[in-house]
PDB file of N, CA and C in Angstrom:
ATOM      1  N   UNK A   1       0.844  -1.175   0.000  1.00  0.00           N
ATOM      2  CA  UNK A   1       0.000   0.000   0.000  1.00  0.00           C
ATOM      3  C   UNK A   1       0.891   1.240   0.000  1.00  0.00           C
ATOM      4  N   UNK A   2       0.742   2.087  -0.982  1.00  0.00           N
ATOM      5  CA  UNK A   2       1.579   3.299  -1.048  1.00  0.00           C
ATOM      6  C   UNK A   2       1.214   4.302   0.052  1.00  0.00           C
ATOM      7  N   UNK A   3       2.168   5.162   0.334  1.00  0.00           N
ATOM      8  CA  UNK A   3       1.931   6.207   1.336  1.00  0.00           C
ATOM      9  C   UNK A   3       1.027   7.289   0.761  1.00  0.00           C
ATOM     10  N   UNK A   4       0.250   7.872   1.664  1.00  0.00           N
ATOM     11  CA  UNK A   4      -0.602   8.989   1.249  1.00  0.00           C
ATOM     12  C   UNK A   4       0.264  10.238   1.089  1.00  0.00           C
ATOM     13  N   UNK A   5      -0.305  11.277   0.503  1.00  0.00           N
ATOM     14  CA  UNK A   5       0.436  12.532   0.338  1.00  0.00           C
ATOM     15  C   UNK A   5       0.855  13.103   1.687  1.00  0.00           C
ATOM     16  N   UNK A   6      -0.025  13.019   2.678  1.00  0.00           N
ATOM     17  CA  UNK A   6       0.289  13.527   4.018  1.00  0.00           C
ATOM     18  C   UNK A   6       1.443  12.726   4.635  1.00  0.00           C
ATOM     19  N   UNK A   7       1.428  11.412   4.473  1.00  0.00           N
ATOM     20  CA  UNK A   7       2.498  10.567   5.005  1.00  0.00           C
ATOM     21  C   UNK A   7       3.824  10.845   4.304  1.00  0.00           C
ATOM     22  N   UNK A   8       3.773  11.057   2.996  1.00  0.00           N
ATOM     23  CA  UNK A   8       4.986  11.408   2.251  1.00  0.00           C
ATOM     24  C   UNK A   8       5.566  12.738   2.727  1.00  0.00           C
ATOM     25  N   UNK A   9       4.675  13.701   2.988  1.00  0.00           N
ATOM     26  CA  UNK A   9       5.109  15.004   3.478  1.00  0.00           C
ATOM     27  C   UNK A   9       5.792  14.857   4.838  1.00  0.00           C
ATOM     28  N   UNK A  10       5.195  14.075   5.717  1.00  0.00           N
ATOM     29  CA  UNK A  10       5.774  13.852   7.049  1.00  0.00           C
ATOM     30  C   UNK A  10       7.120  13.144   6.928  1.00  0.00           C
ATOM     31  N   UNK A  11       7.202  12.150   6.057  1.00  0.00           N
ATOM     32  CA  UNK A  11       8.446  11.427   5.852  1.00  0.00           C
ATOM     33  C   UNK A  11       9.547  12.345   5.336  1.00  0.00           C
ATOM     34  N   UNK A  12       9.226  13.215   4.403  1.00  0.00           N
ATOM     35  CA  UNK A  12      10.221  14.172   3.884  1.00  0.00           C
ATOM     36  C   UNK A  12      10.700  15.122   4.981  1.00  0.00           C
ATOM     37  N   UNK A  13       9.777  15.541   5.842  1.00  0.00           N
ATOM     38  CA  UNK A  13      10.164  16.423   6.945  1.00  0.00           C
ATOM     39  C   UNK A  13      11.104  15.712   7.918  1.00  0.00           C
ATOM     40  N   UNK A  14      10.789  14.469   8.215  1.00  0.00           N
ATOM     41  CA  UNK A  14      11.647  13.694   9.115  1.00  0.00           C
ATOM     42  C   UNK A  14      13.026  13.512   8.492  1.00  0.00           C
ATOM     43  N   UNK A  15      13.082  13.186   7.201  1.00  0.00           N
ATOM     44  CA  UNK A  15      14.357  13.022   6.511  1.00  0.00           C
ATOM     45  C   UNK A  15      15.162  14.316   6.530  1.00  0.00           C
ATOM     46  N   UNK A  16      14.498  15.427   6.304  1.00  0.00           N
ATOM     47  CA  UNK A  16      15.193  16.720   6.301  1.00  0.00           C
ATOM     48  C   UNK A  16      15.749  17.038   7.689  1.00  0.00           C
ATOM     49  N   UNK A  17      14.969  16.761   8.733  1.00  0.00           N
ATOM     50  CA  UNK A  17      15.436  17.012  10.103  1.00  0.00           C
ATOM     51  C   UNK A  17      16.631  16.118  10.444  1.00  0.00           C
ATOM     52  N   UNK A  18      16.556  14.857  10.032  1.00  0.00           N
ATOM     53  CA  UNK A  18      17.656  13.944  10.294  1.00  0.00           C
ATOM     54  C   UNK A  18      18.912  14.383   9.537  1.00  0.00           C
ATOM     55  N   UNK A  19      18.736  14.779   8.302  1.00  0.00           N
ATOM     56  CA  UNK A  19      19.875  15.246   7.503  1.00  0.00           C
ATOM     57  C   UNK A  19      20.509  16.483   8.129  1.00  0.00           C
ATOM     58  N   UNK A  20      19.691  17.354   8.688  1.00  0.00           N
ATOM     59  CA  UNK A  20      20.221  18.568   9.320  1.00  0.00           C
ATOM     60  C   UNK A  20      20.933  18.242  10.634  1.00  0.00           C
ATOM     61  N   UNK A  21      20.412  17.267  11.380  1.00  0.00           N
ATOM     62  CA  UNK A  21      20.984  16.977  12.696  1.00  0.00           C
ATOM     63  C   UNK A  21      22.171  16.014  12.645  1.00  0.00           C
ATOM     64  N   UNK A  22      22.186  15.081  11.683  1.00  0.00           N
ATOM     65  CA  UNK A  22      23.268  14.102  11.622  1.00  0.00           C
ATOM     66  C   UNK A  22      23.556  13.691  10.170  1.00  0.00           C
ATOM     67  N   UNK A  23      24.207  14.563   9.408  1.00  0.00           N
ATOM     68  CA  UNK A  23      24.460  14.256   7.995  1.00  0.00           C
ATOM     69  C   UNK A  23      25.357  13.036   7.784  1.00  0.00           C
ATOM     70  N   UNK A  24      26.263  12.754   8.717  1.00  0.00           N
ATOM     71  CA  UNK A  24      27.128  11.581   8.576  1.00  0.00           C
ATOM     72  C   UNK A  24      26.307  10.291   8.649  1.00  0.00           C
ATOM     73  N   UNK A  25      25.345  10.254   9.550  1.00  0.00           N
ATOM     74  CA  UNK A  25      24.486   9.077   9.658  1.00  0.00           C
ATOM     75  C   UNK A  25      23.682   8.885   8.375  1.00  0.00           C
ATOM     76  N   UNK A  26      23.141   9.961   7.857  1.00  0.00           N
ATOM     77  CA  UNK A  26      22.365   9.891   6.614  1.00  0.00           C
ATOM     78  C   UNK A  26      23.240   9.360   5.482  1.00  0.00           C
ATOM     79  N   UNK A  27      24.467   9.844   5.408  1.00  0.00           N
ATOM     80  CA  UNK A  27      25.384   9.382   4.372  1.00  0.00           C
ATOM     81  C   UNK A  27      25.684   7.894   4.529  1.00  0.00           C
ATOM     82  N   UNK A  28      25.952   7.469   5.763  1.00  0.00           N
ATOM     83  CA  UNK A  28      26.260   6.061   6.029  1.00  0.00           C
ATOM     84  C   UNK A  28      25.070   5.167   5.685  1.00  0.00           C
ATOM     85  N   UNK A  29      23.892   5.540   6.119  1.00  0.00           N
ATOM     86  CA  UNK A  29      22.691   4.734   5.874  1.00  0.00           C
ATOM     87  C   UNK A  29      22.380   4.689   4.380  1.00  0.00           C
ATOM     88  N   UNK A  30      22.578   5.784   3.690  1.00  0.00           N
ATOM     89  CA  UNK A  30      22.267   5.801   2.258  1.00  0.00           C
ATOM     90  C   UNK A  30      23.226   4.916   1.459  1.00  0.00           C
ATOM     91  N   UNK A  31      24.445   4.690   1.990  1.00  0.00           N
ATOM     92  CA  UNK A  31      25.405   3.826   1.298  1.00  0.00           C
ATOM     93  C   UNK A  31      25.288   2.366   1.711  1.00  0.00           C
ATOM     94  N   UNK A  32      24.601   2.081   2.807  1.00  0.00           N
ATOM     95  CA  UNK A  32      24.483   0.720   3.312  1.00  0.00           C
ATOM     96  C   UNK A  32      23.190   0.094   2.825  1.00  0.00           C
ATOM     97  N   UNK A  33      23.323  -1.102   2.279  1.00  0.00           N
ATOM     98  CA  UNK A  33      22.145  -1.837   1.843  1.00  0.00           C
ATOM     99  C   UNK A  33      21.962  -3.058   2.730  1.00  0.00           C
ATOM    100  N   UNK A  34      20.825  -3.678   2.632  1.00  0.00           N
ATOM    101  CA  UNK A  34      20.567  -4.898   3.396  1.00  0.00           C
ATOM    102  C   UNK A  34      21.577  -5.971   3.004  1.00  0.00           C
ATOM    103  N   UNK A  35      21.899  -6.061   1.718  1.00  0.00           N
ATOM    104  CA  UNK A  35      22.834  -7.074   1.254  1.00  0.00           C
ATOM    105  C   UNK A  35      24.232  -6.838   1.801  1.00  0.00           C
ATOM    106  N   UNK A  36      24.668  -5.596   1.806  1.00  0.00           N
ATOM    107  CA  UNK A  36      25.990  -5.281   2.344  1.00  0.00           C
ATOM    108  C   UNK A  36      26.066  -5.635   3.820  1.00  0.00           C
ATOM    109  N   UNK A  37      24.996  -5.305   4.543  1.00  0.00           N
ATOM    110  CA  UNK A  37      24.952  -5.603   5.973  1.00  0.00           C
ATOM    111  C   UNK A  37      25.033  -7.113   6.201  1.00  0.00           C
ATOM    112  N   UNK A  38      24.292  -7.885   5.412  1.00  0.00           N
ATOM    113  CA  UNK A  38      24.301  -9.342   5.553  1.00  0.00           C
ATOM    114  C   UNK A  38      25.684  -9.913   5.226  1.00  0.00           C
ATOM    115  N   UNK A  39      26.310  -9.424   4.174  1.00  0.00           N
ATOM    116  CA  UNK A  39      27.646  -9.906   3.812  1.00  0.00           C
ATOM    117  C   UNK A  39      28.670  -9.589   4.901  1.00  0.00           C
ATOM    118  N   UNK A  40      28.552  -8.404   5.482  1.00  0.00           N
ATOM    119  CA  UNK A  40      29.469  -8.019   6.560  1.00  0.00           C
ATOM    120  C   UNK A  40      29.286  -8.946   7.758  1.00  0.00           C
ATOM    121  N   UNK A  41      28.044  -9.279   8.079  1.00  0.00           N
ATOM    122  CA  UNK A  41      27.771 -10.175   9.201  1.00  0.00           C
ATOM    123  C   UNK A  41      28.351 -11.559   8.949  1.00  0.00           C
ATOM    124  N   UNK A  42      28.211 -12.052   7.728  1.00  0.00           N
ATOM    125  CA  UNK A  42      28.769 -13.361   7.381  1.00  0.00           C
ATOM    126  C   UNK A  42      30.285 -13.332   7.485  1.00  0.00           C
ATOM    127  N   UNK A  43      30.882 -12.286   6.957  1.00  0.00           N
ATOM    128  CA  UNK A  43      32.343 -12.159   6.998  1.00  0.00           C
ATOM    129  C   UNK A  43      32.835 -12.091   8.450  1.00  0.00           C
ATOM    130  N   UNK A  44      32.119 -11.364   9.300  1.00  0.00           N
ATOM    131  CA  UNK A  44      32.511 -11.256  10.701  1.00  0.00           C
ATOM    132  C   UNK A  44      32.419 -12.609  11.402  1.00  0.00           C
ATOM    133  N   UNK A  45      31.365 -13.380  11.098  1.00  0.00           N
ATOM    134  CA  UNK A  45      31.222 -14.704  11.710  1.00  0.00           C
ATOM    135  C   UNK A  45      32.327 -15.636  11.246  1.00  0.00           C
ATOM    136  N   UNK A  46      32.673 -15.580   9.954  1.00  0.00           N
ATOM    137  CA  UNK A  46      33.763 -16.417   9.439  1.00  0.00           C
ATOM    138  C   UNK A  46      35.067 -16.052  10.139  1.00  0.00           C
ATOM    139  N   UNK A  47      35.315 -14.772  10.283  1.00  0.00           N
ATOM    140  CA  UNK A  47      36.536 -14.308  10.930  1.00  0.00           C
ATOM    141  C   UNK A  47      36.605 -14.812  12.363  1.00  0.00           C
ATOM    142  N   UNK A  48      35.487 -14.763  13.075  1.00  0.00           N
ATOM    143  CA  UNK A  48      35.449 -15.222  14.462  1.00  0.00           C
ATOM    144  C   UNK A  48      35.718 -16.718  14.531  1.00  0.00           C
ATOM    145  N   UNK A  49      35.104 -17.469  13.616  1.00  0.00           N
ATOM    146  CA  UNK A  49      35.324 -18.925  13.590  1.00  0.00           C
ATOM    147  C   UNK A  49      36.782 -19.232  13.282  1.00  0.00           C
ATOM    148  N   UNK A  50      37.358 -18.522  12.323  1.00  0.00           N
ATOM    149  CA  UNK A  50      38.757 -18.763  11.974  1.00  0.00           C
ATOM    150  C   UNK A  50      39.673 -18.433  13.144  1.00  0.00           C
ATOM    151  N   UNK A  51      39.393 -17.346  13.841  1.00  0.00           N
ATOM    152  CA  UNK A  51      40.223 -16.966  14.980  1.00  0.00           C
ATOM    153  C   UNK A  51      40.144 -18.010  16.085  1.00  0.00           C
ATOM    154  N   UNK A  52      38.945 -18.515  16.378  1.00  0.00           N
ATOM    155  CA  UNK A  52      38.834 -19.513  17.436  1.00  0.00           C
ATOM    156  C   UNK A  52      39.476 -20.819  17.003  1.00  0.00           C
ATOM    157  N   UNK A  53      39.367 -21.191  15.722  1.00  0.00           N
ATOM    158  CA  UNK A  53      40.041 -22.398  15.227  1.00  0.00           C
ATOM    159  C   UNK A  53      41.553 -22.228  15.336  1.00  0.00           C
ATOM    160  N   UNK A  54      42.029 -21.053  14.993  1.00  0.00           N
ATOM    161  CA  UNK A  54      43.468 -20.783  15.077  1.00  0.00           C
ATOM    162  C   UNK A  54      43.948 -20.906  16.514  1.00  0.00           C
ATOM    163  N   UNK A  55      43.171 -20.434  17.473  1.00  0.00           N
ATOM    164  CA  UNK A  55      43.570 -20.529  18.879  1.00  0.00           C
ATOM    165  C   UNK A  55      43.644 -21.984  19.330  1.00  0.00           C
ATOM    166  N   UNK A  56      42.684 -22.798  18.906  1.00  0.00           N
ATOM    167  CA  UNK A  56      42.679 -24.211  19.285  1.00  0.00           C
ATOM    168  C   UNK A  56      43.894 -24.922  18.698  1.00  0.00           C
ATOM    169  N   UNK A  57      44.162 -24.667  17.429  1.00  0.00           N
ATOM    170  CA  UNK A  57      45.315 -25.292  16.771  1.00  0.00           C
ATOM    171  C   UNK A  57      46.614 -24.828  17.427  1.00  0.00           C
ATOM    172  N   UNK A  58      46.715 -23.553  17.726  1.00  0.00           N
ATOM    173  CA  UNK A  58      47.920 -23.023  18.372  1.00  0.00           C
ATOM    174  C   UNK A  58      48.141 -23.686  19.727  1.00  0.00           C
ATOM    175  N   UNK A  59      47.072 -23.864  20.486  1.00  0.00           N
ATOM    176  CA  UNK A  59      47.191 -24.503  21.794  1.00  0.00           C
ATOM    177  C   UNK A  59      47.616 -25.962  21.642  1.00  0.00           C
ATOM    178  N   UNK A  60      47.054 -26.657  20.647  1.00  0.00           N
ATOM    179  CA  UNK A  60      47.429 -28.069  20.415  1.00  0.00           C
ATOM    180  C   UNK A  60      48.890 -28.166  20.053  1.00  0.00           C
ATOM    181  N   UNK A  61      49.379 -27.288  19.187  1.00  0.00           N
ATOM    182  CA  UNK A  61      50.803 -27.296  18.800  1.00  0.00           C
ATOM    183  C   UNK A  61      51.671 -27.001  20.028  1.00  0.00           C
ATOM    184  N   UNK A  62      51.245 -26.045  20.843  1.00  0.00           N
ATOM    185  CA  UNK A  62      51.982 -25.706  22.057  1.00  0.00           C
ATOM    186  C   UNK A  62      52.080 -26.929  22.961  1.00  0.00           C
ATOM    187  N   UNK A  63      50.982 -27.659  23.138  1.00  0.00           N
ATOM    188  CA  UNK A  63      50.977 -28.853  24.001  1.00  0.00           C
ATOM    189  C   UNK A  63      51.875 -29.940  23.430  1.00  0.00           C
ATOM    190  N   UNK A  64      51.857 -30.112  22.108  1.00  0.00           N
ATOM    191  CA  UNK A  64      52.696 -31.126  21.488  1.00  0.00           C
ATOM    192  C   UNK A  64      54.180 -30.783  21.631  1.00  0.00           C
ATOM    193  N   UNK A  65      54.507 -29.502  21.499  1.00  0.00           N
ATOM    194  CA  UNK A  65      55.908 -29.084  21.628  1.00  0.00           C
ATOM    195  C   UNK A  65      56.400 -29.262  23.058  1.00  0.00           C
ATOM    196  N   UNK A  66      55.483 -29.137  24.004  1.00  0.00           N
ATOM    197  CA  UNK A  66      55.827 -29.218  25.417  1.00  0.00           C
ATOM    198  C   UNK A  66      56.289 -30.634  25.794  1.00  0.00           C
ATOM    199  N   UNK A  67      55.774 -31.658  25.102  1.00  0.00           N
ATOM    200  CA  UNK A  67      56.107 -33.063  25.425  1.00  0.00           C
ATOM    201  C   UNK A  67      57.523 -33.406  25.132  1.00  0.00           C
TER     202      UNK A  67
END
């Protein structure tokens, strides 16, 4: 359902107020898409998994060297 003219007017006013109060946020949000956000989340999870795997392997090597 499309927005009414009154709702569009209110939305434009809110956007203008936000742009005036925090232009950096507006710029960041306008460059960020749902897909980019999802890809970043996946990449962060992979990085976390790799880091924890690396720690486990490092500890195992340390234990083996200790023997």
